[in-house]
Structure formats: structure tokens, C-alpha cells
Amino acid sequence: MPMATRLKLALAIVGLALFAVGVRLENERLRWAAIVVVAIAFLLRFVKPAPPSES
């Protein structure tokens, strides 16, 4: 699995975990932070990977 895919997956999982903790603790700021992290993971789907170097 490419490193970029791992990063996207890790961000999504961290965001979901933060959201769950935010709901459990009834912390609105933590929930919003989680939403931002998941949104970043979603937007990274549209970033094209760098072409492999020819060296």
C-alpha cells in the first residue's frame, strides 16, 4: 500500500476516533476538530501522487 494511501487512511481513522471521543465527552471543540481531520482526509483523495523519479 502506498504511503499516501496509508496517510489518508490514518487521518480518517484518527478523525473518527476523535469524533467518538468528542461525543463521549460531550466536547464540541473536539468534535469540530475531528470533522476538520476527516475533511482533510477526504480532500487528500483528490491530490494526485507525485510521478516516480527516473534516477
PDB file of N, CA and C in Angstrom:
ATOM      1  N   MET A   1       0.853  -1.174   0.000  1.00  0.00           N
ATOM      2  CA  MET A   1       0.000   0.000   0.000  1.00  0.00           C
ATOM      3  C   MET A   1       0.898   1.236   0.000  1.00  0.00           C
ATOM      4  N   PRO A   2       0.654   2.160  -0.905  1.00  0.00           N
ATOM      5  CA  PRO A   2       1.482   3.370  -0.971  1.00  0.00           C
ATOM      6  C   PRO A   2       1.375   4.208   0.312  1.00  0.00           C
ATOM      7  N   MET A   3       2.419   4.970   0.562  1.00  0.00           N
ATOM      8  CA  MET A   3       2.481   5.787   1.777  1.00  0.00           C
ATOM      9  C   MET A   3       1.352   6.824   1.814  1.00  0.00           C
ATOM     10  N   ALA A   4       1.007   7.396   0.669  1.00  0.00           N
ATOM     11  CA  ALA A   4      -0.064   8.398   0.627  1.00  0.00           C
ATOM     12  C   ALA A   4      -1.399   7.777   1.034  1.00  0.00           C
ATOM     13  N   THR A   5      -1.642   6.558   0.610  1.00  0.00           N
ATOM     14  CA  THR A   5      -2.876   5.871   0.971  1.00  0.00           C
ATOM     15  C   THR A   5      -2.908   5.592   2.469  1.00  0.00           C
ATOM     16  N   ARG A   6      -1.779   5.209   3.017  1.00  0.00           N
ATOM     17  CA  ARG A   6      -1.704   4.969   4.465  1.00  0.00           C
ATOM     18  C   ARG A   6      -1.982   6.244   5.250  1.00  0.00           C
ATOM     19  N   LEU A   7      -1.449   7.355   4.765  1.00  0.00           N
ATOM     20  CA  LEU A   7      -1.669   8.634   5.435  1.00  0.00           C
ATOM     21  C   LEU A   7      -3.146   9.009   5.407  1.00  0.00           C
ATOM     22  N   LYS A   8      -3.777   8.861   4.270  1.00  0.00           N
ATOM     23  CA  LYS A   8      -5.195   9.183   4.144  1.00  0.00           C
ATOM     24  C   LYS A   8      -6.036   8.305   5.072  1.00  0.00           C
ATOM     25  N   LEU A   9      -5.738   7.027   5.087  1.00  0.00           N
ATOM     26  CA  LEU A   9      -6.467   6.098   5.936  1.00  0.00           C
ATOM     27  C   LEU A   9      -6.248   6.408   7.414  1.00  0.00           C
ATOM     28  N   ALA A  10      -5.012   6.718   7.774  1.00  0.00           N
ATOM     29  CA  ALA A  10      -4.712   7.048   9.166  1.00  0.00           C
ATOM     30  C   ALA A  10      -5.442   8.322   9.599  1.00  0.00           C
ATOM     31  N   LEU A  11      -5.471   9.326   8.739  1.00  0.00           N
ATOM     32  CA  LEU A  11      -6.187  10.563   9.067  1.00  0.00           C
ATOM     33  C   LEU A  11      -7.677  10.304   9.259  1.00  0.00           C
ATOM     34  N   ALA A  12      -8.243   9.497   8.400  1.00  0.00           N
ATOM     35  CA  ALA A  12      -9.672   9.191   8.523  1.00  0.00           C
ATOM     36  C   ALA A  12      -9.966   8.449   9.825  1.00  0.00           C
ATOM     37  N   ILE A  13      -9.120   7.481  10.168  1.00  0.00           N
ATOM     38  CA  ILE A  13      -9.324   6.711  11.397  1.00  0.00           C
ATOM     39  C   ILE A  13      -9.141   7.592  12.627  1.00  0.00           C
ATOM     40  N   VAL A  14      -8.122   8.442  12.618  1.00  0.00           N
ATOM     41  CA  VAL A  14      -7.900   9.357  13.746  1.00  0.00           C
ATOM     42  C   VAL A  14      -9.079  10.315  13.880  1.00  0.00           C
ATOM     43  N   GLY A  15      -9.570  10.815  12.766  1.00  0.00           N
ATOM     44  CA  GLY A  15     -10.716  11.717  12.801  1.00  0.00           C
ATOM     45  C   GLY A  15     -11.956  11.056  13.379  1.00  0.00           C
ATOM     46  N   LEU A  16     -12.212   9.824  12.969  1.00  0.00           N
ATOM     47  CA  LEU A  16     -13.371   9.109  13.506  1.00  0.00           C
ATOM     48  C   LEU A  16     -13.209   8.821  14.991  1.00  0.00           C
ATOM     49  N   ALA A  17     -12.001   8.474  15.396  1.00  0.00           N
ATOM     50  CA  ALA A  17     -11.764   8.228  16.821  1.00  0.00           C
ATOM     51  C   ALA A  17     -11.932   9.508  17.637  1.00  0.00           C
ATOM     52  N   LEU A  18     -11.408  10.620  17.115  1.00  0.00           N
ATOM     53  CA  LEU A  18     -11.587  11.898  17.809  1.00  0.00           C
ATOM     54  C   LEU A  18     -13.059  12.267  17.914  1.00  0.00           C
ATOM     55  N   PHE A  19     -13.806  11.999  16.873  1.00  0.00           N
ATOM     56  CA  PHE A  19     -15.230  12.307  16.899  1.00  0.00           C
ATOM     57  C   PHE A  19     -15.939  11.476  17.965  1.00  0.00           C
ATOM     58  N   ALA A  20     -15.595  10.198  18.035  1.00  0.00           N
ATOM     59  CA  ALA A  20     -16.211   9.323  19.037  1.00  0.00           C
ATOM     60  C   ALA A  20     -15.884   9.798  20.452  1.00  0.00           C
ATOM     61  N   VAL A  21     -14.630  10.190  20.674  1.00  0.00           N
ATOM     62  CA  VAL A  21     -14.245  10.700  21.990  1.00  0.00           C
ATOM     63  C   VAL A  21     -14.958  12.015  22.279  1.00  0.00           C
ATOM     64  N   GLY A  22     -15.084  12.867  21.286  1.00  0.00           N
ATOM     65  CA  GLY A  22     -15.785  14.139  21.459  1.00  0.00           C
ATOM     66  C   GLY A  22     -17.243  13.952  21.823  1.00  0.00           C
ATOM     67  N   VAL A  23     -17.876  12.970  21.194  1.00  0.00           N
ATOM     68  CA  VAL A  23     -19.271  12.680  21.523  1.00  0.00           C
ATOM     69  C   VAL A  23     -19.372  12.124  22.940  1.00  0.00           C
ATOM     70  N   ARG A  24     -18.468  11.216  23.269  1.00  0.00           N
ATOM     71  CA  ARG A  24     -18.486  10.580  24.597  1.00  0.00           C
ATOM     72  C   ARG A  24     -18.271  11.602  25.704  1.00  0.00           C
ATOM     73  N   LEU A  25     -17.356  12.546  25.477  1.00  0.00           N
ATOM     74  CA  LEU A  25     -17.045  13.553  26.493  1.00  0.00           C
ATOM     75  C   LEU A  25     -17.917  14.805  26.370  1.00  0.00           C
ATOM     76  N   GLU A  26     -18.791  14.810  25.373  1.00  0.00           N
ATOM     77  CA  GLU A  26     -19.647  15.962  25.100  1.00  0.00           C
ATOM     78  C   GLU A  26     -18.827  17.240  24.921  1.00  0.00           C
ATOM     79  N   ASN A  27     -17.748  17.106  24.135  1.00  0.00           N
ATOM     80  CA  ASN A  27     -16.834  18.215  23.883  1.00  0.00           C
ATOM     81  C   ASN A  27     -17.004  18.667  22.433  1.00  0.00           C
ATOM     82  N   GLU A  28     -17.616  19.835  22.269  1.00  0.00           N
ATOM     83  CA  GLU A  28     -17.918  20.330  20.924  1.00  0.00           C
ATOM     84  C   GLU A  28     -16.648  20.658  20.134  1.00  0.00           C
ATOM     85  N   ARG A  29     -15.660  21.221  20.779  1.00  0.00           N
ATOM     86  CA  ARG A  29     -14.418  21.574  20.062  1.00  0.00           C
ATOM     87  C   ARG A  29     -13.711  20.333  19.539  1.00  0.00           C
ATOM     88  N   LEU A  30     -13.723  19.279  20.311  1.00  0.00           N
ATOM     89  CA  LEU A  30     -13.089  18.038  19.874  1.00  0.00           C
ATOM     90  C   LEU A  30     -13.838  17.452  18.680  1.00  0.00           C
ATOM     91  N   ARG A  31     -15.150  17.534  18.710  1.00  0.00           N
ATOM     92  CA  ARG A  31     -15.939  17.049  17.562  1.00  0.00           C
ATOM     93  C   ARG A  31     -15.634  17.856  16.311  1.00  0.00           C
ATOM     94  N   TRP A  32     -15.532  19.182  16.433  1.00  0.00           N
ATOM     95  CA  TRP A  32     -15.221  20.008  15.264  1.00  0.00           C
ATOM     96  C   TRP A  32     -13.813  19.727  14.754  1.00  0.00           C
ATOM     97  N   ALA A  33     -12.877  19.501  15.659  1.00  0.00           N
ATOM     98  CA  ALA A  33     -11.512  19.147  15.238  1.00  0.00           C
ATOM     99  C   ALA A  33     -11.530  17.831  14.459  1.00  0.00           C
ATOM    100  N   ALA A  34     -12.329  16.889  14.923  1.00  0.00           N
ATOM    101  CA  ALA A  34     -12.445  15.605  14.233  1.00  0.00           C
ATOM    102  C   ALA A  34     -13.046  15.781  12.845  1.00  0.00           C
ATOM    103  N   ILE A  35     -14.055  16.639  12.730  1.00  0.00           N
ATOM    104  CA  ILE A  35     -14.673  16.896  11.430  1.00  0.00           C
ATOM    105  C   ILE A  35     -13.649  17.499  10.471  1.00  0.00           C
ATOM    106  N   VAL A  36     -12.819  18.396  10.975  1.00  0.00           N
ATOM    107  CA  VAL A  36     -11.773  19.002  10.131  1.00  0.00           C
ATOM    108  C   VAL A  36     -10.775  17.944   9.672  1.00  0.00           C
ATOM    109  N   VAL A  37     -10.371  17.048  10.565  1.00  0.00           N
ATOM    110  CA  VAL A  37      -9.404  15.999  10.204  1.00  0.00           C
ATOM    111  C   VAL A  37      -9.998  15.071   9.143  1.00  0.00           C
ATOM    112  N   VAL A  38     -11.249  14.680   9.304  1.00  0.00           N
ATOM    113  CA  VAL A  38     -11.892  13.814   8.309  1.00  0.00           C
ATOM    114  C   VAL A  38     -12.044  14.557   6.981  1.00  0.00           C
ATOM    115  N   ALA A  39     -12.354  15.844   7.026  1.00  0.00           N
ATOM    116  CA  ALA A  39     -12.474  16.628   5.798  1.00  0.00           C
ATOM    117  C   ALA A  39     -11.130  16.704   5.080  1.00  0.00           C
ATOM    118  N   ILE A  40     -10.054  16.872   5.815  1.00  0.00           N
ATOM    119  CA  ILE A  40      -8.720  16.891   5.203  1.00  0.00           C
ATOM    120  C   ILE A  40      -8.419  15.545   4.555  1.00  0.00           C
ATOM    121  N   ALA A  41      -8.750  14.457   5.244  1.00  0.00           N
ATOM    122  CA  ALA A  41      -8.537  13.124   4.668  1.00  0.00           C
ATOM    123  C   ALA A  41      -9.346  12.963   3.385  1.00  0.00           C
ATOM    124  N   PHE A  42     -10.575  13.484   3.381  1.00  0.00           N
ATOM    125  CA  PHE A  42     -11.405  13.409   2.181  1.00  0.00           C
ATOM    126  C   PHE A  42     -10.801  14.220   1.039  1.00  0.00           C
ATOM    127  N   LEU A  43     -10.346  15.424   1.337  1.00  0.00           N
ATOM    128  CA  LEU A  43      -9.774  16.281   0.295  1.00  0.00           C
ATOM    129  C   LEU A  43      -8.466  15.724  -0.250  1.00  0.00           C
ATOM    130  N   LEU A  44      -7.735  14.976   0.555  1.00  0.00           N
ATOM    131  CA  LEU A  44      -6.490  14.372   0.079  1.00  0.00           C
ATOM    132  C   LEU A  44      -6.743  13.312  -0.987  1.00  0.00           C
ATOM    133  N   ARG A  45      -7.984  12.843  -1.097  1.00  0.00           N
ATOM    134  CA  ARG A  45      -8.312  11.899  -2.161  1.00  0.00           C
ATOM    135  C   ARG A  45      -8.074  12.496  -3.535  1.00  0.00           C
ATOM    136  N   PHE A  46      -8.193  13.813  -3.645  1.00  0.00           N
ATOM    137  CA  PHE A  46      -8.090  14.482  -4.935  1.00  0.00           C
ATOM    138  C   PHE A  46      -6.674  14.934  -5.270  1.00  0.00           C
ATOM    139  N   VAL A  47      -5.735  14.728  -4.369  1.00  0.00           N
ATOM    140  CA  VAL A  47      -4.343  15.079  -4.617  1.00  0.00           C
ATOM    141  C   VAL A  47      -3.694  13.925  -5.387  1.00  0.00           C
ATOM    142  N   LYS A  48      -3.153  14.252  -6.531  1.00  0.00           N
ATOM    143  CA  LYS A  48      -2.521  13.200  -7.339  1.00  0.00           C
ATOM    144  C   LYS A  48      -1.131  12.902  -6.789  1.00  0.00           C
ATOM    145  N   PRO A  49      -0.751  11.627  -6.765  1.00  0.00           N
ATOM    146  CA  PRO A  49       0.580  11.260  -6.279  1.00  0.00           C
ATOM    147  C   PRO A  49       1.667  11.774  -7.227  1.00  0.00           C
ATOM    148  N   ALA A  50       2.805  12.039  -6.677  1.00  0.00           N
ATOM    149  CA  ALA A  50       3.943  12.509  -7.491  1.00  0.00           C
ATOM    150  C   ALA A  50       4.406  11.378  -8.401  1.00  0.00           C
ATOM    151  N   PRO A  51       4.790  11.723  -9.626  1.00  0.00           N
ATOM    152  CA  PRO A  51       5.290  10.673 -10.525  1.00  0.00           C
ATOM    153  C   PRO A  51       6.619  10.115  -9.990  1.00  0.00           C
ATOM    154  N   PRO A  52       6.875   8.848 -10.238  1.00  0.00           N
ATOM    155  CA  PRO A  52       8.133   8.275  -9.755  1.00  0.00           C
ATOM    156  C   PRO A  52       9.341   8.937 -10.433  1.00  0.00           C
ATOM    157  N   SER A  53      10.376   9.135  -9.662  1.00  0.00           N
ATOM    158  CA  SER A  53      11.577   9.764 -10.211  1.00  0.00           C
ATOM    159  C   SER A  53      12.320   8.766 -11.098  1.00  0.00           C
ATOM    160  N   GLU A  54      13.015   9.294 -12.083  1.00  0.00           N
ATOM    161  CA  GLU A  54      13.708   8.440 -13.054  1.00  0.00           C
ATOM    162  C   GLU A  54      15.180   8.276 -12.733  1.00  0.00           C
ATOM    163  N   SER A  55      15.576   8.624 -11.531  1.00  0.00           N
ATOM    164  CA  SER A  55      17.002   8.492 -11.196  1.00  0.00           C
ATOM    165  C   SER A  55      17.322   7.187 -10.532  1.00  0.00           C
TER     166      SER A  55
END
